[in-house]
Amino acid sequence: MNKPLRTFISGGAGYIGSHCVKALGQAGHDILVYDNLSTGHEWALLYGRLVKGDLADANLLDATLKDFRPDAVIHFAASIQVEESTRKPLLYYRNNVINSVNLLEAMLKNNIHYIVYSSTAAVYGTPDKVPVDETMPLNPINPYGATKAMVERILADTAKVTKLHYMVLRYFNVAGADIDGELGQAYQDTTHLITRAIKTALGQSQQMVVYGTDYPTKDGTCIRDYVHVNDLAEAHVLALDYMLKNNQSDLLNCGYGHGFSVKEVIQKVKSVSGIDFKVVETGRRPADSPEIIAANEKIKKVIHWEPKHDDLDVIIKTAWEWEKKLQKSGKK
C-alpha cells in the first residue's frame, strides 16, 4: 500500500482552506495545517493537525517543514479583501507577497518542490472581453490583485532556476458551503455578496447595500462567475495530483464560465430564504470590474475537473443552511 501524501496547507483553517483540507483528508492525505487563525477557526479543521503560526515567523515555518517533511504545499494564507487592499496596500504586500517569498524560501531550503497556489481572477483587472482565458494579459486594478499577480510571477521566475513546480488556480467568486453541512464561511466582517445578503435576510444586518448600479451590464450591477466551494476544493485535489504525477507547472482558471449580476443574486437569496429585506443602492466602490467570467476549457482538459454543483440555487441553499446553523451555534 502506498504511503499517504503528506500535504502542508498554509491558511487551511479559513473558508476555502478548510473545505480543501476536508477534500484532501477524504482522499487519504496526511495533512498539516499552518495557520495564524487571524480569520480561520480551529473547529473548521476536520482532518490533520494544526500548527498555529505565521508565515512571517521564518524559524517556526522552517522547523515545521523540517519536522513534517511534506511532499507538497498548498498555499492559501493571504489577506483577501479588495476594498481593504485599496486602503491598506502595505499590509497586503507584506502578507501576500513577502510571506509567500518566506514560504518559498523555506520550501526550497527543505527540498520541497511542489506548490499549489491560491490566486484570483482579480489578476485580470477589467478584461477587454469575457470570458477571460489564461493567456489574457494580467492587469490588476487593486493592490489585492496586484499581490496575487506578483506571486504568480515569483513562482514562474523561481521555477526557471530551481526544481520548483507549481499549479496556480485563479479563483473566480467562491461561494456556498459544504454540501454535507459541516463547513462554511465564518468571517466576522464578510464582504462576500451572497453571505452579506443572507445575513441581511437573517436580520443580522438592517439592509443590503448594492455598490454601483450604472455599470455597462444588463441591469447596471456587476456580474460575477460564482463557483461552489466544494468544486473548488476538488480542483485543488486534482491539481496537486496532476502536478505530482506529471512534474508539470501550469495556471488554470477556476470558474463555471457564466455569471450572475448582483441584483440577480440578491433576488435569488430572497427566493431561497423566503424573506424580503431592504436593499439600498449607492455609488460604486473603488476598483470593481463590471464583469468577469472564466473561460474554463483549460482546467477541464488539463486536470479533468468536472464541477458537480454548478447551480446558483445549490450555492445559495448551502450557504443559507450554513448561516442558519452558524447563527444557532453562536460560532464566529
Protein backbone atom coordinates (compact mmCIF):
# COMPACT_ATOMS: atom_id res chain seq x y z
CA MET A 1 0.00 0.00 0.00
CA ASN A 2 1.32 3.45 -0.94
CA LYS A 3 2.05 5.76 1.96
CA PRO A 4 -0.31 8.76 2.10
CA LEU A 5 0.81 12.02 0.56
CA ARG A 6 2.00 14.49 3.15
CA THR A 7 0.49 17.89 2.40
CA PHE A 8 1.33 21.17 4.17
CA ILE A 9 -1.51 23.71 3.92
CA SER A 10 -0.99 27.36 4.77
CA GLY A 11 -4.23 29.08 5.77
CA GLY A 12 -6.03 25.74 5.98
CA ALA A 13 -8.36 26.86 8.80
CA GLY A 14 -10.03 29.51 6.63
CA TYR A 15 -13.12 29.26 4.43
CA ILE A 16 -11.63 27.75 1.26
CA GLY A 17 -8.72 26.11 3.06
CA SER A 18 -10.93 24.12 5.44
CA HIS A 19 -13.01 22.74 2.57
CA CYS A 20 -9.79 21.75 0.81
CA VAL A 21 -8.49 20.07 3.99
CA LYS A 22 -11.70 18.01 4.11
CA ALA A 23 -11.38 17.00 0.42
CA LEU A 24 -7.71 16.03 0.86
CA GLY A 25 -8.47 14.19 4.10
CA GLN A 26 -11.17 12.19 2.35
CA ALA A 27 -8.64 11.43 -0.41
CA GLY A 28 -6.29 9.95 2.22
CA HIS A 29 -3.69 12.70 2.58
CA ASP A 30 -1.64 13.20 5.72
CA ILE A 31 -2.24 16.89 6.44
CA LEU A 32 -0.56 19.62 8.47
CA VAL A 33 -2.28 22.99 8.59
CA TYR A 34 -0.18 26.08 9.33
CA ASP A 35 -2.47 29.00 10.20
CA ASN A 36 -2.29 32.05 12.46
CA LEU A 37 -6.10 31.85 12.98
CA SER A 38 -6.50 35.55 12.19
CA THR A 39 -9.55 34.70 10.08
CA GLY A 40 -9.59 30.90 10.38
CA HIS A 41 -11.02 28.63 13.07
CA GLU A 42 -9.62 25.53 14.72
CA TRP A 43 -13.12 23.97 14.75
CA ALA A 44 -13.12 24.09 10.93
CA LEU A 45 -10.31 21.52 10.69
CA LEU A 46 -11.93 18.12 10.16
CA TYR A 47 -8.65 16.39 9.26
CA GLY A 48 -4.96 16.74 10.02
CA ARG A 49 -3.21 18.67 12.71
CA LEU A 50 -2.73 22.37 13.31
CA VAL A 51 0.41 24.37 13.94
CA LYS A 52 -0.62 27.87 14.97
CA GLY A 53 1.92 30.02 13.24
CA ASP A 54 2.52 32.94 10.92
CA LEU A 55 4.41 32.79 7.63
CA ALA A 56 6.36 35.81 8.84
CA ASP A 57 7.89 33.58 11.55
CA ALA A 58 10.75 32.12 9.50
CA ASN A 59 12.10 29.98 12.35
CA LEU A 60 8.79 28.29 13.16
CA LEU A 61 8.00 27.83 9.48
CA ASP A 62 11.37 26.21 8.81
CA ALA A 63 11.11 23.95 11.88
CA THR A 64 7.58 22.88 10.94
CA LEU A 65 8.55 21.96 7.38
CA LYS A 66 11.68 20.18 8.60
CA ASP A 67 9.65 18.12 11.08
CA PHE A 68 6.67 17.31 8.83
CA ARG A 69 8.63 16.78 5.58
CA PRO A 70 5.70 17.32 3.21
CA ASP A 71 5.57 16.09 -0.36
CA ALA A 72 3.78 19.27 -1.40
CA VAL A 73 2.41 22.60 -0.19
CA ILE A 74 -0.95 24.25 -0.83
CA HIS A 75 -0.73 27.99 -0.14
CA PHE A 76 -3.98 29.71 0.85
CA ALA A 77 -2.81 32.11 3.58
CA ALA A 78 -3.41 35.70 2.43
CA SER A 79 -5.35 38.88 3.01
CA ILE A 80 -8.19 38.79 0.51
CA GLN A 81 -10.47 41.83 0.68
CA VAL A 82 -10.32 44.05 -2.39
CA GLU A 83 -11.67 47.21 -0.75
CA GLU A 84 -9.40 46.86 2.29
CA SER A 85 -6.40 46.42 -0.02
CA THR A 86 -7.04 49.87 -1.51
CA ARG A 87 -6.84 51.38 1.99
CA LYS A 88 -4.02 49.24 3.40
CA PRO A 89 -1.76 48.35 0.47
CA LEU A 90 1.36 47.74 2.58
CA LEU A 91 -0.47 45.20 4.72
CA TYR A 92 -1.37 43.32 1.53
CA TYR A 93 2.14 43.45 0.07
CA ARG A 94 3.55 42.16 3.36
CA ASN A 95 1.00 39.40 3.97
CA ASN A 96 0.61 38.24 0.40
CA VAL A 97 3.95 38.83 -1.30
CA ILE A 98 6.64 38.89 1.39
CA ASN A 99 5.08 35.97 3.28
CA SER A 100 4.86 33.95 0.05
CA VAL A 101 8.57 34.55 -0.52
CA ASN A 102 9.21 33.39 3.05
CA LEU A 103 7.28 30.20 2.32
CA LEU A 104 9.09 29.52 -0.96
CA GLU A 105 12.49 30.07 0.65
CA ALA A 106 11.61 27.68 3.49
CA MET A 107 10.31 25.10 0.99
CA LEU A 108 13.44 25.15 -1.14
CA LYS A 109 15.68 25.07 1.94
CA ASN A 110 13.88 21.85 2.96
CA ASN A 111 13.85 20.31 -0.55
CA ILE A 112 10.11 20.70 -1.09
CA HIS A 113 9.45 21.40 -4.76
CA TYR A 114 5.69 21.28 -5.31
CA ILE A 115 3.17 24.02 -4.55
CA VAL A 116 -0.47 24.71 -5.44
CA TYR A 117 -1.08 28.46 -5.23
CA SER A 118 -4.34 30.19 -4.46
CA SER A 119 -4.68 33.04 -6.96
CA THR A 120 -7.64 35.05 -8.19
CA ALA A 121 -9.50 36.40 -11.19
CA ALA A 122 -8.56 39.85 -9.82
CA VAL A 123 -5.21 39.45 -11.62
CA TYR A 124 -7.08 40.19 -14.89
CA GLY A 125 -8.45 43.54 -13.69
CA THR A 126 -11.11 44.79 -16.08
CA PRO A 127 -10.70 42.49 -19.09
CA ASP A 128 -11.33 43.70 -22.64
CA LYS A 129 -13.56 40.71 -23.27
CA VAL A 130 -15.30 37.93 -21.40
CA PRO A 131 -14.95 35.10 -20.79
CA VAL A 132 -11.28 35.52 -19.88
CA ASP A 133 -8.81 32.77 -20.66
CA GLU A 134 -5.44 32.11 -19.08
CA THR A 135 -3.49 33.72 -21.94
CA MET A 136 -5.02 37.16 -21.41
CA PRO A 137 -2.69 39.85 -20.05
CA LEU A 138 -2.66 40.47 -16.33
CA ASN A 139 -3.76 43.99 -15.44
CA PRO A 140 -4.86 44.10 -11.79
CA ILE A 141 -6.68 47.28 -10.75
CA ASN A 142 -6.30 46.96 -6.98
CA PRO A 143 -3.48 46.01 -4.59
CA TYR A 144 -5.07 42.64 -3.77
CA GLY A 145 -5.00 41.55 -7.42
CA ALA A 146 -1.52 43.02 -7.83
CA THR A 147 -0.13 40.97 -4.93
CA LYS A 148 -1.51 37.77 -6.40
CA ALA A 149 -0.10 38.57 -9.86
CA MET A 150 3.30 39.29 -8.28
CA VAL A 151 3.39 35.92 -6.56
CA GLU A 152 2.45 34.19 -9.82
CA ARG A 153 5.48 35.89 -11.41
CA ILE A 154 7.71 34.93 -8.45
CA LEU A 155 6.65 31.29 -8.84
CA ALA A 156 7.40 31.31 -12.58
CA ASP A 157 10.78 33.01 -12.13
CA THR A 158 11.77 30.65 -9.30
CA ALA A 159 10.72 27.55 -11.24
CA LYS A 160 13.07 28.54 -14.08
CA VAL A 161 16.14 28.25 -11.87
CA THR A 162 15.16 25.62 -9.26
CA LYS A 163 13.31 22.29 -9.17
CA LEU A 164 10.09 24.09 -8.14
CA HIS A 165 6.83 23.01 -9.78
CA TYR A 166 3.63 24.95 -9.26
CA MET A 167 -0.07 24.94 -10.09
CA VAL A 168 -1.75 28.33 -9.97
CA LEU A 169 -5.54 28.26 -9.55
CA ARG A 170 -7.18 31.57 -10.40
CA TYR A 171 -10.42 31.53 -8.44
CA PHE A 172 -13.45 33.38 -9.63
CA ASN A 173 -16.13 34.17 -6.98
CA VAL A 174 -16.10 31.35 -4.47
CA ALA A 175 -19.38 30.87 -2.64
CA GLY A 176 -21.67 28.36 -0.97
CA ALA A 177 -20.96 26.00 1.90
CA ASP A 178 -20.05 22.35 2.35
CA ILE A 179 -22.68 20.07 0.77
CA ASP A 180 -22.67 17.93 3.95
CA GLY A 181 -23.30 20.99 6.13
CA GLU A 182 -20.06 20.57 8.12
CA LEU A 183 -18.26 23.73 6.97
CA GLY A 184 -18.84 27.18 5.58
CA GLN A 185 -17.81 30.79 5.73
CA ALA A 186 -17.37 32.25 9.22
CA TYR A 187 -15.88 35.73 8.98
CA GLN A 188 -16.98 38.50 11.32
CA ASP A 189 -16.94 41.18 8.63
CA THR A 190 -17.52 39.34 5.39
CA THR A 191 -17.57 41.27 2.12
CA HIS A 192 -18.88 38.30 0.09
CA LEU A 193 -22.12 39.26 -1.65
CA ILE A 194 -24.07 36.06 -1.01
CA THR A 195 -23.10 35.90 2.67
CA ARG A 196 -23.96 39.58 3.17
CA ALA A 197 -27.36 39.08 1.57
CA ILE A 198 -28.08 36.01 3.70
CA LYS A 199 -27.01 37.77 6.90
CA THR A 200 -29.42 40.59 5.98
CA ALA A 201 -32.22 38.05 5.43
CA LEU A 202 -31.45 36.59 8.88
CA GLY A 203 -31.75 40.04 10.48
CA GLN A 204 -28.04 40.34 11.30
CA SER A 205 -27.91 43.49 9.19
CA GLN A 206 -30.63 46.09 8.70
CA GLN A 207 -30.13 46.49 4.98
CA MET A 208 -28.24 45.18 1.99
CA VAL A 209 -26.09 47.76 0.20
CA VAL A 210 -25.54 47.48 -3.55
CA TYR A 211 -22.44 49.37 -4.70
CA GLY A 212 -22.96 50.73 -8.19
CA THR A 213 -25.96 50.37 -10.49
CA ASP A 214 -24.54 52.18 -13.52
CA TYR A 215 -22.13 49.55 -14.82
CA PRO A 216 -22.32 48.62 -18.53
CA THR A 217 -24.16 45.34 -17.76
CA LYS A 218 -27.69 44.07 -18.34
CA ASP A 219 -29.09 45.56 -15.12
CA GLY A 220 -26.32 48.03 -14.22
CA THR A 221 -24.77 45.89 -11.47
CA CYS A 222 -21.55 43.88 -11.52
CA ILE A 223 -21.59 40.36 -12.96
CA ARG A 224 -19.50 37.59 -11.42
CA ASP A 225 -18.83 33.90 -12.02
CA TYR A 226 -19.81 32.11 -8.78
CA VAL A 227 -18.13 28.76 -8.11
CA HIS A 228 -19.19 26.39 -5.33
CA VAL A 229 -16.52 25.92 -2.67
CA ASN A 230 -16.76 22.10 -2.84
CA ASP A 231 -15.99 22.15 -6.56
CA LEU A 232 -13.06 24.47 -5.90
CA ALA A 233 -11.72 22.15 -3.18
CA GLU A 234 -11.90 19.24 -5.62
CA ALA A 235 -9.91 21.30 -8.15
CA HIS A 236 -7.06 21.51 -5.61
CA VAL A 237 -7.01 17.74 -5.13
CA LEU A 238 -6.88 17.22 -8.90
CA ALA A 239 -4.28 19.95 -9.48
CA LEU A 240 -1.99 18.53 -6.80
CA ASP A 241 -2.31 15.02 -8.21
CA TYR A 242 -1.62 16.24 -11.76
CA MET A 243 1.46 18.23 -10.73
CA LEU A 244 2.99 15.37 -8.74
CA LYS A 245 2.32 12.73 -11.40
CA ASN A 246 3.44 14.79 -14.39
CA ASN A 247 6.11 17.07 -12.92
CA GLN A 248 4.32 19.91 -14.67
CA SER A 249 3.60 23.53 -13.78
CA ASP A 250 0.53 25.33 -15.07
CA LEU A 251 -2.04 28.01 -14.32
CA LEU A 252 -5.76 27.44 -14.50
CA ASN A 253 -8.94 29.48 -14.22
CA CYS A 254 -11.40 28.03 -11.74
CA GLY A 255 -14.93 29.16 -12.58
CA TYR A 256 -18.08 27.88 -14.26
CA GLY A 257 -17.98 30.04 -17.39
CA HIS A 258 -21.18 32.02 -16.79
CA GLY A 259 -22.17 34.82 -14.46
CA PHE A 260 -24.92 36.42 -12.42
CA SER A 261 -25.44 40.08 -11.56
CA VAL A 262 -25.59 41.48 -8.04
CA LYS A 263 -29.32 42.10 -8.43
CA GLU A 264 -29.91 38.53 -9.66
CA VAL A 265 -28.04 37.10 -6.67
CA ILE A 266 -29.97 39.22 -4.18
CA GLN A 267 -33.27 38.18 -5.78
CA LYS A 268 -32.23 34.51 -5.58
CA VAL A 269 -31.35 34.88 -1.87
CA LYS A 270 -34.81 36.37 -1.25
CA SER A 271 -36.36 33.47 -3.16
CA VAL A 272 -34.38 30.73 -1.39
CA SER A 273 -34.86 32.23 2.09
CA GLY A 274 -38.47 33.25 1.57
CA ILE A 275 -37.57 36.56 3.23
CA ASP A 276 -37.76 40.02 1.72
CA PHE A 277 -35.25 42.54 3.01
CA LYS A 278 -34.29 46.14 2.44
CA VAL A 279 -31.83 46.84 -0.38
CA VAL A 280 -30.13 50.24 -0.66
CA GLU A 281 -28.36 51.30 -3.84
CA THR A 282 -25.30 53.53 -3.60
CA GLY A 283 -22.27 54.55 -5.66
CA ARG A 284 -19.54 52.31 -6.99
CA ARG A 285 -16.75 51.01 -4.79
CA PRO A 286 -13.21 51.71 -5.99
CA ALA A 287 -11.59 49.06 -8.16
CA ASP A 288 -14.58 46.85 -9.00
CA SER A 289 -14.66 45.33 -12.50
CA PRO A 290 -18.05 45.45 -14.26
CA GLU A 291 -17.98 41.83 -15.43
CA ILE A 292 -15.58 38.93 -15.10
CA ILE A 293 -16.33 35.38 -16.22
CA ALA A 294 -13.96 32.43 -16.58
CA ALA A 295 -13.09 30.57 -19.72
CA ASN A 296 -12.77 27.13 -18.12
CA GLU A 297 -11.93 24.80 -21.01
CA LYS A 298 -8.31 24.52 -19.88
CA ILE A 299 -8.95 23.31 -16.31
CA LYS A 300 -11.41 20.72 -17.60
CA LYS A 301 -8.91 19.47 -20.17
CA VAL A 302 -5.70 19.55 -18.10
CA ILE A 303 -6.81 18.15 -14.72
CA HIS A 304 -10.20 16.73 -15.80
CA TRP A 305 -12.15 18.94 -13.42
CA GLU A 306 -15.86 18.14 -13.58
CA PRO A 307 -17.93 20.56 -11.47
CA LYS A 308 -20.80 18.92 -9.58
CA HIS A 309 -22.51 21.97 -8.07
CA ASP A 310 -22.78 24.44 -10.97
CA ASP A 311 -26.16 25.80 -9.86
CA LEU A 312 -26.82 29.17 -8.19
CA ASP A 313 -29.71 27.60 -6.26
CA VAL A 314 -27.37 24.99 -4.75
CA ILE A 315 -24.73 27.60 -3.95
CA ILE A 316 -27.23 29.83 -2.15
CA LYS A 317 -29.15 27.00 -0.44
CA THR A 318 -25.96 25.52 1.06
CA ALA A 319 -24.84 28.98 2.22
CA TRP A 320 -28.32 29.68 3.66
CA GLU A 321 -28.40 26.43 5.64
CA TRP A 322 -24.87 27.04 6.91
CA GLU A 323 -25.60 30.61 8.04
CA LYS A 324 -28.69 29.44 9.93
CA LYS A 325 -26.58 26.74 11.61
CA LEU A 326 -23.86 29.26 12.43
CA GLN A 327 -26.34 31.69 13.95
CA LYS A 328 -27.87 28.94 16.08
CA SER A 329 -24.48 27.63 17.28
CA GLY A 330 -23.04 31.05 18.08
CA LYS A 331 -19.79 30.19 16.25
CA LYS A 332 -17.89 33.16 14.88
